[in-house]
C-alpha atoms as a PDB file:
ATOM      1  CA  MET A   1     -36.027  64.115  27.743  1.00  0.00           C
ATOM      2  CA  THR A   2     -39.645  65.632  27.503  1.00  0.00           C
ATOM      3  CA  PRO A   3     -41.239  64.703  30.785  1.00  0.00           C
ATOM      4  CA  ALA A   4     -44.420  62.243  30.079  1.00  0.00           C
ATOM      5  CA  ILE A   5     -46.350  64.777  32.150  1.00  0.00           C
ATOM      6  CA  ALA A   6     -45.519  68.294  33.576  1.00  0.00           C
ATOM      7  CA  CYS A   7     -47.868  70.761  35.495  1.00  0.00           C
ATOM      8  CA  ARG A   8     -47.051  74.127  36.379  1.00  0.00           C
ATOM      9  CA  GLY A   9     -48.828  76.328  38.605  1.00  0.00           C
ATOM     10  CA  LEU A  10     -52.025  73.973  38.036  1.00  0.00           C
ATOM     11  CA  VAL A  11     -55.362  75.072  39.852  1.00  0.00           C
ATOM     12  CA  ARG A  12     -58.327  73.849  39.356  1.00  0.00           C
ATOM     13  CA  THR A  13     -61.595  75.658  40.980  1.00  0.00           C
ATOM     14  CA  PHE A  14     -65.100  74.624  41.706  1.00  0.00           C
ATOM     15  CA  GLY A  15     -66.785  78.027  43.292  1.00  0.00           C
ATOM     16  CA  LEU A  16     -64.896  78.402  46.296  1.00  0.00           C
ATOM     17  CA  LEU A  17     -63.342  75.030  46.372  1.00  0.00           C
ATOM     18  CA  ARG A  18     -59.652  74.814  45.266  1.00  0.00           C
ATOM     19  CA  ALA A  19     -59.961  71.174  43.870  1.00  0.00           C
ATOM     20  CA  VAL A  20     -56.518  71.336  42.390  1.00  0.00           C
ATOM     21  CA  ASP A  21     -54.052  73.952  44.434  1.00  0.00           C
ATOM     22  CA  GLY A  22     -50.907  75.205  42.575  1.00  0.00           C
ATOM     23  CA  VAL A  23     -49.675  71.607  41.442  1.00  0.00           C
ATOM     24  CA  ASP A  24     -46.365  71.511  40.267  1.00  0.00           C
ATOM     25  CA  LEU A  25     -45.013  68.256  38.836  1.00  0.00           C
ATOM     26  CA  ALA A  26     -42.887  66.118  36.101  1.00  0.00           C
ATOM     27  CA  VAL A  27     -43.499  62.666  36.018  1.00  0.00           C
ATOM     28  CA  GLN A  28     -40.569  61.203  33.550  1.00  0.00           C
ATOM     29  CA  ARG A  29     -41.321  58.923  30.682  1.00  0.00           C
ATOM     30  CA  GLY A  30     -41.117  54.774  32.236  1.00  0.00           C
ATOM     31  CA  GLU A  31     -42.241  56.092  35.642  1.00  0.00           C
ATOM     32  CA  ILE A  32     -44.943  54.330  37.370  1.00  0.00           C
ATOM     33  CA  PHE A  33     -45.795  57.262  39.804  1.00  0.00           C
ATOM     34  CA  ALA A  34     -48.790  56.656  42.282  1.00  0.00           C
ATOM     35  CA  LEU A  35     -51.036  59.914  43.620  1.00  0.00           C
ATOM     36  CA  VAL A  36     -52.077  59.012  47.022  1.00  0.00           C
ATOM     37  CA  GLY A  37     -54.220  60.838  49.523  1.00  0.00           C
ATOM     38  CA  PRO A  38     -57.601  60.779  51.386  1.00  0.00           C
ATOM     39  CA  ASP A  39     -60.883  61.419  49.908  1.00  0.00           C
ATOM     40  CA  GLY A  40     -61.467  64.531  48.729  1.00  0.00           C
ATOM     41  CA  ALA A  41     -58.054  65.426  48.436  1.00  0.00           C
ATOM     42  CA  GLY A  42     -58.499  66.122  44.695  1.00  0.00           C
ATOM     43  CA  LYS A  43     -56.884  63.008  43.193  1.00  0.00           C
ATOM     44  CA  THR A  44     -59.793  62.515  40.344  1.00  0.00           C
ATOM     45  CA  THR A  45     -59.889  65.874  39.476  1.00  0.00           C
ATOM     46  CA  LEU A  46     -56.130  66.282  38.822  1.00  0.00           C
ATOM     47  CA  ILE A  47     -56.144  63.111  36.517  1.00  0.00           C
ATOM     48  CA  ARG A  48     -59.312  64.301  34.612  1.00  0.00           C
ATOM     49  CA  LEU A  49     -57.078  67.402  33.947  1.00  0.00           C
ATOM     50  CA  LEU A  50     -54.190  65.524  32.734  1.00  0.00           C
ATOM     51  CA  CYS A  51     -56.570  63.726  30.296  1.00  0.00           C
ATOM     52  CA  GLY A  52     -58.055  67.000  29.251  1.00  0.00           C
ATOM     53  CA  ALA A  53     -61.718  66.353  30.661  1.00  0.00           C
ATOM     54  CA  LEU A  54     -61.495  69.176  32.762  1.00  0.00           C
ATOM     55  CA  GLU A  55     -60.206  72.535  31.979  1.00  0.00           C
ATOM     56  CA  PRO A  56     -57.809  74.229  34.471  1.00  0.00           C
ATOM     57  CA  THR A  57     -58.749  77.534  36.172  1.00  0.00           C
ATOM     58  CA  SER A  58     -54.968  78.438  35.795  1.00  0.00           C
ATOM     59  CA  GLY A  59     -51.633  76.816  34.902  1.00  0.00           C
ATOM     60  CA  GLU A  60     -50.202  74.662  32.395  1.00  0.00           C
ATOM     61  CA  ILE A  61     -50.308  70.694  31.469  1.00  0.00           C
ATOM     62  CA  ARG A  62     -48.404  69.123  29.074  1.00  0.00           C
ATOM     63  CA  VAL A  63     -48.530  65.159  28.352  1.00  0.00           C
ATOM     64  CA  THR A  64     -45.595  63.953  26.141  1.00  0.00           C
ATOM     65  CA  GLY A  65     -44.510  67.532  25.507  1.00  0.00           C
ATOM     66  CA  LEU A  66     -48.043  68.342  24.315  1.00  0.00           C
ATOM     67  CA  ASP A  67     -50.044  71.528  25.414  1.00  0.00           C
ATOM     68  CA  VAL A  68     -53.203  69.553  27.060  1.00  0.00           C
ATOM     69  CA  MET A  69     -55.858  72.252  26.521  1.00  0.00           C
ATOM     70  CA  ARG A  70     -54.602  73.341  22.628  1.00  0.00           C
ATOM     71  CA  GLU A  71     -53.664  70.311  21.071  1.00  0.00           C
ATOM     72  CA  GLY A  72     -56.103  67.469  23.020  1.00  0.00           C
ATOM     73  CA  GLU A  73     -57.041  65.694  20.110  1.00  0.00           C
ATOM     74  CA  ALA A  74     -53.291  64.655  19.616  1.00  0.00           C
ATOM     75  CA  VAL A  75     -52.930  64.536  23.467  1.00  0.00           C
ATOM     76  CA  ARG A  76     -55.570  61.878  23.399  1.00  0.00           C
ATOM     77  CA  GLY A  77     -54.080  59.542  20.804  1.00  0.00           C
ATOM     78  CA  ARG A  78     -51.385  59.234  23.125  1.00  0.00           C
ATOM     79  CA  ILE A  79     -52.713  58.375  26.601  1.00  0.00           C
ATOM     80  CA  GLY A  80     -55.540  55.860  27.780  1.00  0.00           C
ATOM     81  CA  TYR A  81     -57.334  56.746  30.480  1.00  0.00           C
ATOM     82  CA  MET A  82     -59.168  54.465  32.853  1.00  0.00           C
ATOM     83  CA  PRO A  83     -61.648  56.003  35.022  1.00  0.00           C
ATOM     84  CA  GLN A  84     -62.601  55.353  38.855  1.00  0.00           C
ATOM     85  CA  GLN A  85     -66.164  54.227  37.688  1.00  0.00           C
ATOM     86  CA  PHE A  86     -66.773  51.188  35.351  1.00  0.00           C
ATOM     87  CA  SER A  87     -66.834  52.602  32.171  1.00  0.00           C
ATOM     88  CA  LEU A  88     -67.300  49.924  30.005  1.00  0.00           C
ATOM     89  CA  TYR A  89     -70.790  48.828  27.847  1.00  0.00           C
ATOM     90  CA  GLY A  90     -72.436  46.037  30.112  1.00  0.00           C
ATOM     91  CA  ASP A  91     -74.613  44.823  27.221  1.00  0.00           C
ATOM     92  CA  LEU A  92     -71.895  44.308  24.955  1.00  0.00           C
ATOM     93  CA  THR A  93     -69.328  41.531  25.123  1.00  0.00           C
ATOM     94  CA  VAL A  94     -65.950  41.776  25.841  1.00  0.00           C
ATOM     95  CA  LEU A  95     -64.693  41.707  22.256  1.00  0.00           C
ATOM     96  CA  GLU A  96     -67.347  44.259  21.342  1.00  0.00           C
ATOM     97  CA  ASN A  97     -65.899  46.500  23.951  1.00  0.00           C
ATOM     98  CA  LEU A  98     -62.456  46.448  22.328  1.00  0.00           C
ATOM     99  CA  ARG A  99     -63.794  46.835  19.001  1.00  0.00           C
ATOM    100  CA  LEU A 100     -65.793  50.112  19.819  1.00  0.00           C
ATOM    101  CA  TYR A 101     -62.807  51.314  21.484  1.00  0.00           C
ATOM    102  CA  GLY A 102     -60.626  50.741  18.668  1.00  0.00           C
ATOM    103  CA  ASP A 103     -63.213  52.151  16.099  1.00  0.00           C
ATOM    104  CA  LEU A 104     -62.926  55.383  18.775  1.00  0.00           C
ATOM    105  CA  TYR A 105     -59.478  55.314  18.203  1.00  0.00           C
ATOM    106  CA  GLY A 106     -59.100  54.522  14.291  1.00  0.00           C
ATOM    107  CA  VAL A 107     -57.192  51.691  14.714  1.00  0.00           C
ATOM    108  CA  PRO A 108     -57.454  49.912  11.525  1.00  0.00           C
ATOM    109  CA  PRO A 109     -59.126  46.549  11.070  1.00  0.00           C
ATOM    110  CA  ASP A 110     -56.014  44.451  10.416  1.00  0.00           C
ATOM    111  CA  ARG A 111     -54.170  46.080  13.358  1.00  0.00           C
ATOM    112  CA  PHE A 112     -57.106  45.581  15.725  1.00  0.00           C
ATOM    113  CA  ARG A 113     -57.421  41.893  15.084  1.00  0.00           C
ATOM    114  CA  GLU A 114     -53.962  41.445  15.952  1.00  0.00           C
ATOM    115  CA  ARG A 115     -54.100  43.735  19.159  1.00  0.00           C
ATOM    116  CA  ALA A 116     -57.175  42.420  20.363  1.00  0.00           C
ATOM    117  CA  GLU A 117     -55.830  38.995  20.414  1.00  0.00           C
ATOM    118  CA  ARG A 118     -52.376  40.146  22.243  1.00  0.00           C
ATOM    119  CA  LEU A 119     -54.808  41.695  24.804  1.00  0.00           C
ATOM    120  CA  LEU A 120     -57.028  39.008  25.325  1.00  0.00           C
ATOM    121  CA  ALA A 121     -54.140  36.844  26.055  1.00  0.00           C
ATOM    122  CA  ALA A 122     -52.176  38.991  28.260  1.00  0.00           C
ATOM    123  CA  PHE A 123     -55.105  39.638  30.563  1.00  0.00           C
ATOM    124  CA  GLY A 124     -56.503  36.044  30.349  1.00  0.00           C
ATOM    125  CA  LEU A 125     -59.663  36.890  28.486  1.00  0.00           C
ATOM    126  CA  GLU A 126     -59.608  34.572  25.636  1.00  0.00           C
ATOM    127  CA  GLY A 127     -62.239  32.155  27.163  1.00  0.00           C
ATOM    128  CA  ALA A 128     -64.518  35.454  28.290  1.00  0.00           C
ATOM    129  CA  ARG A 129     -64.309  37.082  24.541  1.00  0.00           C
ATOM    130  CA  HIS A 130     -68.150  36.698  23.865  1.00  0.00           C
ATOM    131  CA  ARG A 131     -69.395  37.060  27.501  1.00  0.00           C
ATOM    132  CA  LEU A 132     -71.258  40.261  28.478  1.00  0.00           C
ATOM    133  CA  ALA A 133     -69.395  42.794  30.181  1.00  0.00           C
ATOM    134  CA  LEU A 134     -71.971  43.067  32.855  1.00  0.00           C
ATOM    135  CA  ALA A 135     -71.414  39.489  33.464  1.00  0.00           C
ATOM    136  CA  LEU A 136     -67.838  39.797  34.296  1.00  0.00           C
ATOM    137  CA  SER A 137     -66.207  39.657  37.988  1.00  0.00           C
ATOM    138  CA  GLY A 138     -64.927  42.995  39.474  1.00  0.00           C
ATOM    139  CA  GLY A 139     -61.520  41.696  38.820  1.00  0.00           C
ATOM    140  CA  MET A 140     -62.201  40.911  35.170  1.00  0.00           C
ATOM    141  CA  ARG A 141     -63.823  44.030  34.494  1.00  0.00           C
ATOM    142  CA  GLN A 142     -61.029  46.065  35.359  1.00  0.00           C
ATOM    143  CA  LYS A 143     -58.525  43.861  33.042  1.00  0.00           C
ATOM    144  CA  LEU A 144     -61.291  44.599  30.401  1.00  0.00           C
ATOM    145  CA  ALA A 145     -60.995  48.362  31.324  1.00  0.00           C
ATOM    146  CA  LEU A 146     -57.731  48.291  30.773  1.00  0.00           C
ATOM    147  CA  ALA A 147     -57.245  46.538  28.259  1.00  0.00           C
ATOM    148  CA  CYS A 148     -59.860  48.922  26.158  1.00  0.00           C
ATOM    149  CA  THR A 149     -57.397  51.839  27.052  1.00  0.00           C
ATOM    150  CA  LEU A 150     -54.550  50.177  25.712  1.00  0.00           C
ATOM    151  CA  VAL A 151     -56.216  49.041  22.137  1.00  0.00           C
ATOM    152  CA  HIS A 152     -54.395  52.085  20.403  1.00  0.00           C
ATOM    153  CA  GLU A 153     -51.267  51.258  22.082  1.00  0.00           C
ATOM    154  CA  PRO A 154     -51.137  54.715  24.371  1.00  0.00           C
ATOM    155  CA  GLU A 155     -47.609  56.118  25.570  1.00  0.00           C
ATOM    156  CA  VAL A 156     -48.943  57.167  29.246  1.00  0.00           C
ATOM    157  CA  LEU A 157     -51.939  55.315  31.291  1.00  0.00           C
ATOM    158  CA  LEU A 158     -53.946  57.335  33.592  1.00  0.00           C
ATOM    159  CA  LEU A 159     -55.624  55.235  36.272  1.00  0.00           C
ATOM    160  CA  ASP A 160     -57.931  56.328  38.786  1.00  0.00           C
ATOM    161  CA  GLU A 161     -58.136  53.982  41.668  1.00  0.00           C
ATOM    162  CA  PRO A 162     -58.144  51.254  39.275  1.00  0.00           C
ATOM    163  CA  THR A 163     -58.049  48.299  41.964  1.00  0.00           C
ATOM    164  CA  THR A 164     -60.762  49.590  44.131  1.00  0.00           C
ATOM    165  CA  GLY A 165     -63.325  46.779  45.028  1.00  0.00           C
ATOM    166  CA  VAL A 166     -61.151  44.378  43.616  1.00  0.00           C
ATOM    167  CA  ASP A 167     -60.223  41.271  45.336  1.00  0.00           C
ATOM    168  CA  PRO A 168     -56.365  40.886  46.683  1.00  0.00           C
ATOM    169  CA  LEU A 169     -55.300  37.918  44.236  1.00  0.00           C
ATOM    170  CA  SER A 170     -56.954  40.338  41.250  1.00  0.00           C
ATOM    171  CA  ARG A 171     -54.965  43.252  42.314  1.00  0.00           C
ATOM    172  CA  ARG A 172     -51.668  40.981  42.170  1.00  0.00           C
ATOM    173  CA  GLN A 173     -52.387  40.269  39.025  1.00  0.00           C
ATOM    174  CA  PHE A 174     -53.322  43.642  38.165  1.00  0.00           C
ATOM    175  CA  TRP A 175     -50.019  44.874  39.066  1.00  0.00           C
ATOM    176  CA  ARG A 176     -48.205  42.345  37.080  1.00  0.00           C
ATOM    177  CA  VAL A 177     -49.771  43.325  34.256  1.00  0.00           C
ATOM    178  CA  LEU A 178     -48.910  47.334  35.280  1.00  0.00           C
ATOM    179  CA  TYR A 179     -45.370  45.856  35.217  1.00  0.00           C
ATOM    180  CA  GLU A 180     -45.055  44.503  31.972  1.00  0.00           C
ATOM    181  CA  LEU A 181     -46.493  47.418  30.258  1.00  0.00           C
ATOM    182  CA  ASN A 182     -43.950  49.659  32.112  1.00  0.00           C
ATOM    183  CA  ARG A 183     -41.022  47.404  30.686  1.00  0.00           C
ATOM    184  CA  GLN A 184     -42.482  47.870  27.143  1.00  0.00           C
ATOM    185  CA  GLY A 185     -41.925  51.762  27.888  1.00  0.00           C
ATOM    186  CA  ILE A 186     -45.597  52.864  28.948  1.00  0.00           C
ATOM    187  CA  THR A 187     -45.561  55.517  31.536  1.00  0.00           C
ATOM    188  CA  VAL A 188     -48.010  54.500  34.389  1.00  0.00           C
ATOM    189  CA  PHE A 189     -49.696  57.480  36.522  1.00  0.00           C
ATOM    190  CA  LEU A 190     -52.295  56.037  39.065  1.00  0.00           C
ATOM    191  CA  SER A 191     -54.311  57.339  41.908  1.00  0.00           C
ATOM    192  CA  THR A 192     -54.938  54.751  44.809  1.00  0.00           C
ATOM    193  CA  THR A 193     -56.088  54.393  48.265  1.00  0.00           C
ATOM    194  CA  TYR A 194     -53.924  51.226  49.009  1.00  0.00           C
ATOM    195  CA  LEU A 195     -50.418  52.338  50.023  1.00  0.00           C
ATOM    196  CA  ASP A 196     -48.926  48.692  49.943  1.00  0.00           C
ATOM    197  CA  GLU A 197     -49.707  49.551  45.936  1.00  0.00           C
ATOM    198  CA  ALA A 198     -48.255  53.105  46.310  1.00  0.00           C
ATOM    199  CA  ASP A 199     -45.013  51.349  47.671  1.00  0.00           C
ATOM    200  CA  ARG A 200     -44.410  49.419  44.529  1.00  0.00           C
ATOM    201  CA  ALA A 201     -44.624  52.685  42.337  1.00  0.00           C
ATOM    202  CA  SER A 202     -41.049  54.464  40.974  1.00  0.00           C
ATOM    203  CA  ARG A 203     -42.168  57.725  42.877  1.00  0.00           C
ATOM    204  CA  VAL A 204     -44.878  58.874  45.118  1.00  0.00           C
ATOM    205  CA  GLY A 205     -46.955  61.831  45.437  1.00  0.00           C
ATOM    206  CA  LEU A 206     -49.358  62.790  48.502  1.00  0.00           C
ATOM    207  CA  LEU A 207     -52.231  65.175  47.537  1.00  0.00           C
ATOM    208  CA  HIS A 208     -54.054  66.863  50.480  1.00  0.00           C
ATOM    209  CA  ARG A 209     -56.757  69.328  49.835  1.00  0.00           C
ATOM    210  CA  GLY A 210     -55.666  70.152  46.350  1.00  0.00           C
ATOM    211  CA  ARG A 211     -52.103  70.634  47.241  1.00  0.00           C
ATOM    212  CA  LEU A 212     -48.770  68.260  46.664  1.00  0.00           C
ATOM    213  CA  LEU A 213     -47.027  67.680  50.020  1.00  0.00           C
ATOM    214  CA  ALA A 214     -44.443  65.310  49.167  1.00  0.00           C
ATOM    215  CA  CYS A 215     -43.129  63.585  46.296  1.00  0.00           C
ATOM    216  CA  ASP A 216     -40.204  60.632  46.051  1.00  0.00           C
ATOM    217  CA  ASP A 217     -39.183  57.638  45.786  1.00  0.00           C
ATOM    218  CA  PRO A 218     -41.107  55.489  48.637  1.00  0.00           C
ATOM    219  CA  ALA A 219     -37.523  54.948  50.064  1.00  0.00           C
ATOM    220  CA  GLN A 220     -36.621  58.606  50.034  1.00  0.00           C
ATOM    221  CA  LEU A 221     -40.272  59.257  51.769  1.00  0.00           C
ATOM    222  CA  ARG A 222     -39.306  56.891  54.714  1.00  0.00           C
ATOM    223  CA  ALA A 223     -35.766  58.388  55.038  1.00  0.00           C
ATOM    224  CA  GLN A 224     -37.174  62.094  55.286  1.00  0.00           C
ATOM    225  CA  LEU A 225     -39.422  61.203  57.898  1.00  0.00           C
ATOM    226  CA  GLY A 226     -37.153  62.167  60.659  1.00  0.00           C
ATOM    227  CA  GLY A 227     -37.529  59.675  63.932  1.00  0.00           C
ATOM    228  CA  ALA A 228     -38.398  56.568  64.755  1.00  0.00           C
ATOM    229  CA  VAL A 229     -41.671  54.800  64.500  1.00  0.00           C
ATOM    230  CA  VAL A 230     -42.552  52.764  67.521  1.00  0.00           C
ATOM    231  CA  GLU A 231     -45.464  50.357  67.548  1.00  0.00           C
ATOM    232  CA  VAL A 232     -47.548  49.906  70.805  1.00  0.00           C
ATOM    233  CA  MET A 233     -49.455  46.901  71.997  1.00  0.00           C
ATOM    234  CA  ALA A 234     -51.319  48.076  75.263  1.00  0.00           C
ATOM    235  CA  VAL A 235     -54.381  47.827  77.311  1.00  0.00           C
ATOM    236  CA  PRO A 236     -56.968  49.265  78.135  1.00  0.00           C
ATOM    237  CA  ARG A 237     -56.884  50.677  74.350  1.00  0.00           C
ATOM    238  CA  SER A 238     -58.783  53.989  74.924  1.00  0.00           C
ATOM    239  CA  GLU A 239     -56.423  54.865  78.096  1.00  0.00           C
ATOM    240  CA  ALA A 240     -53.634  54.112  76.114  1.00  0.00           C
ATOM    241  CA  LYS A 241     -54.624  55.859  73.223  1.00  0.00           C
ATOM    242  CA  ALA A 242     -55.684  58.767  75.265  1.00  0.00           C
ATOM    243  CA  VAL A 243     -51.722  58.846  77.058  1.00  0.00           C
ATOM    244  CA  LEU A 244     -50.156  58.562  73.634  1.00  0.00           C
ATOM    245  CA  ARG A 245     -52.270  61.492  72.073  1.00  0.00           C
ATOM    246  CA  GLU A 246     -51.349  63.608  74.927  1.00  0.00           C
ATOM    247  CA  HIS A 247     -47.810  62.643  75.167  1.00  0.00           C
ATOM    248  CA  PRO A 248     -45.366  65.435  74.763  1.00  0.00           C
ATOM    249  CA  LEU A 249     -42.606  63.528  73.001  1.00  0.00           C
ATOM    250  CA  VAL A 250     -45.456  61.983  70.409  1.00  0.00           C
ATOM    251  CA  ARG A 251     -44.999  63.800  66.948  1.00  0.00           C
ATOM    252  CA  SER A 252     -47.959  61.595  65.412  1.00  0.00           C
ATOM    253  CA  LEU A 253     -50.528  58.570  66.495  1.00  0.00           C
ATOM    254  CA  GLU A 254     -52.200  56.154  63.887  1.00  0.00           C
ATOM    255  CA  VAL A 255     -54.365  53.085  64.757  1.00  0.00           C
ATOM    256  CA  PHE A 256     -53.537  49.659  63.074  1.00  0.00           C
ATOM    257  CA  GLY A 257     -55.658  46.771  64.410  1.00  0.00           C
ATOM    258  CA  ASP A 258     -54.812  46.028  67.826  1.00  0.00           C
ATOM    259  CA  ARG A 259     -52.006  48.563  67.899  1.00  0.00           C
ATOM    260  CA  PHE A 260     -50.693  51.759  67.991  1.00  0.00           C
ATOM    261  CA  HIS A 261     -48.099  53.646  65.812  1.00  0.00           C
ATOM    262  CA  VAL A 262     -46.406  56.664  66.794  1.00  0.00           C
ATOM    263  CA  LEU A 263     -43.710  58.877  65.908  1.00  0.00           C
ATOM    264  CA  LEU A 264     -41.008  59.681  68.213  1.00  0.00           C
ATOM    265  CA  ALA A 265     -37.795  62.004  67.825  1.00  0.00           C
ATOM    266  CA  SER A 266     -35.829  58.993  68.339  1.00  0.00           C
ATOM    267  CA  GLU A 267     -35.458  55.264  69.906  1.00  0.00           C
ATOM    268  CA  ALA A 268     -33.909  56.983  73.348  1.00  0.00           C
ATOM    269  CA  ASP A 269     -37.932  58.210  73.846  1.00  0.00           C
ATOM    270  CA  LEU A 270     -39.154  54.644  74.262  1.00  0.00           C
ATOM    271  CA  GLY A 271     -38.359  54.569  78.046  1.00  0.00           C
ATOM    272  CA  SER A 272     -40.281  57.656  78.746  1.00  0.00           C
ATOM    273  CA  LEU A 273     -43.253  56.478  76.550  1.00  0.00           C
ATOM    274  CA  ARG A 274     -43.640  53.448  78.725  1.00  0.00           C
ATOM    275  CA  ARG A 275     -43.009  54.739  82.018  1.00  0.00           C
ATOM    276  CA  SER A 276     -46.480  57.390  81.049  1.00  0.00           C
ATOM    277  CA  LEU A 277     -48.184  54.330  79.808  1.00  0.00           C
ATOM    278  CA  LEU A 278     -47.663  52.140  83.264  1.00  0.00           C
ATOM    279  CA  GLU A 279     -48.127  55.312  85.410  1.00  0.00           C
ATOM    280  CA  ALA A 280     -51.720  55.596  83.972  1.00  0.00           C
ATOM    281  CA  GLY A 281     -52.375  52.376  84.803  1.00  0.00           C
ATOM    282  CA  VAL A 282     -51.877  50.778  81.321  1.00  0.00           C
ATOM    283  CA  THR A 283     -50.440  47.186  80.715  1.00  0.00           C
ATOM    284  CA  VAL A 284     -48.051  47.637  78.182  1.00  0.00           C
ATOM    285  CA  ARG A 285     -48.013  44.351  75.937  1.00  0.00           C
ATOM    286  CA  GLY A 286     -45.485  45.005  73.573  1.00  0.00           C
ATOM    287  CA  LEU A 287     -43.177  48.258  72.523  1.00  0.00           C
ATOM    288  CA  ARG A 288     -41.120  48.585  69.650  1.00  0.00           C
ATOM    289  CA  ALA A 289     -39.160  50.376  67.219  1.00  0.00           C
ATOM    290  CA  VAL A 290     -40.327  49.265  63.793  1.00  0.00           C
ATOM    291  CA  ARG A 291     -39.502  50.257  59.733  1.00  0.00           C
ATOM    292  CA  PRO A 292     -41.735  53.197  58.886  1.00  0.00           C
ATOM    293  CA  GLY A 293     -44.362  52.059  56.352  1.00  0.00           C
ATOM    294  CA  LEU A 294     -45.650  54.613  53.929  1.00  0.00           C
ATOM    295  CA  GLU A 295     -49.201  55.404  56.261  1.00  0.00           C
ATOM    296  CA  ASP A 296     -46.873  56.409  58.851  1.00  0.00           C
ATOM    297  CA  VAL A 297     -44.641  58.962  56.396  1.00  0.00           C
ATOM    298  CA  PHE A 298     -48.244  60.284  55.652  1.00  0.00           C
ATOM    299  CA  VAL A 299     -49.876  60.643  58.851  1.00  0.00           C
ATOM    300  CA  ALA A 300     -46.825  62.285  59.833  1.00  0.00           C
ATOM    301  CA  ARG A 301     -47.290  64.752  56.954  1.00  0.00           C
ATOM    302  CA  LEU A 302     -50.656  65.692  57.597  1.00  0.00           C
ATOM    303  CA  GLN A 303     -50.200  66.839  61.316  1.00  0.00           C
ATOM    304  CA  PRO A 304     -50.844  70.323  61.714  1.00  0.00           C
END
C-alpha cells in the first residue's frame, strides 16, 4: 500500500542552517506517528514541508502518493494541518470559524451542516457554537482548531504540538478524539514535547538538529536501549550528580525531580555505583533498576 507520507533525502536550509537534514521517512496509512525532539530540532519545519507551506531545498515528499510540490492543490484537499500557534479568528464564533474553513475547502452547504453538527458533538462544542473563539479556554480552542482541520474530511492530519499549553484533562480528551479519528482510518502525524504522549503513538521518530536519529514503535525503542536504567535518590544532590556524571560505568544521566536516571551496561554494575557514591560521602536513599521511559531512550541517543 502506498504510504500516507513518504520523504526521501529531504533537506531544508535557511542560509547556513540545515533545519531538516537528509530525512528519509515513511508513515503508513492508519498510523499515529509522533515526532519528538528538543527545541530547534526541526519539527515545525518538517511539518511545514509535509503540508506544502515550505519548499524543500532538495529531496522528495509524497503525501497519499501525491508529490507535494507538483500536486500541491490535490494534496491540500487530502490533509488537515493544525499549526502550533492559534490559527483561528478570535472575532468569529465557533460555528463561523467552522463555516469559514468549510468555504475554503469548497464543502457544499448541505454537507457542511451535517459535518458541523457531527464535529460540534464529537468535540463537546455544541453549547459554545455562538461563542467567540477568543473567549474559549485553551483546551476548547485546540478542539475547535482540530474540528476546523476536519471539516473537509482529510485522509491525513498534520498537527504541530497540538497540546502545548493545554491542561492535563484537556490533553487526555484531545487524545481520545485522536484515537477515535484514527479508528475511522485517518492517519495522524504530530509533533509533541510530551514524551508520555509520544508513548501512545504507533511509532515515534526522534529528530535532532534536523536529522532523524531513531524511528520505531515505543516498545522496540526501549528494547534497543542496550543497558539498564537505574533510579538513584541520594543527598547531597550536587555531590551525587558530580559522582554520577564522572563515573566510568554511567553512559547517560538525566535529572527527574528529586532523583536521577542513569544508564548502565547491566544491573551487575549497581554495586560499583553504590560504592562510588558512598566513598564520596553521599547518602544513598534509593538505588534500583527501573523500566526505561522514552526520556531515557532519547537522552541515551543524544549522548555524544
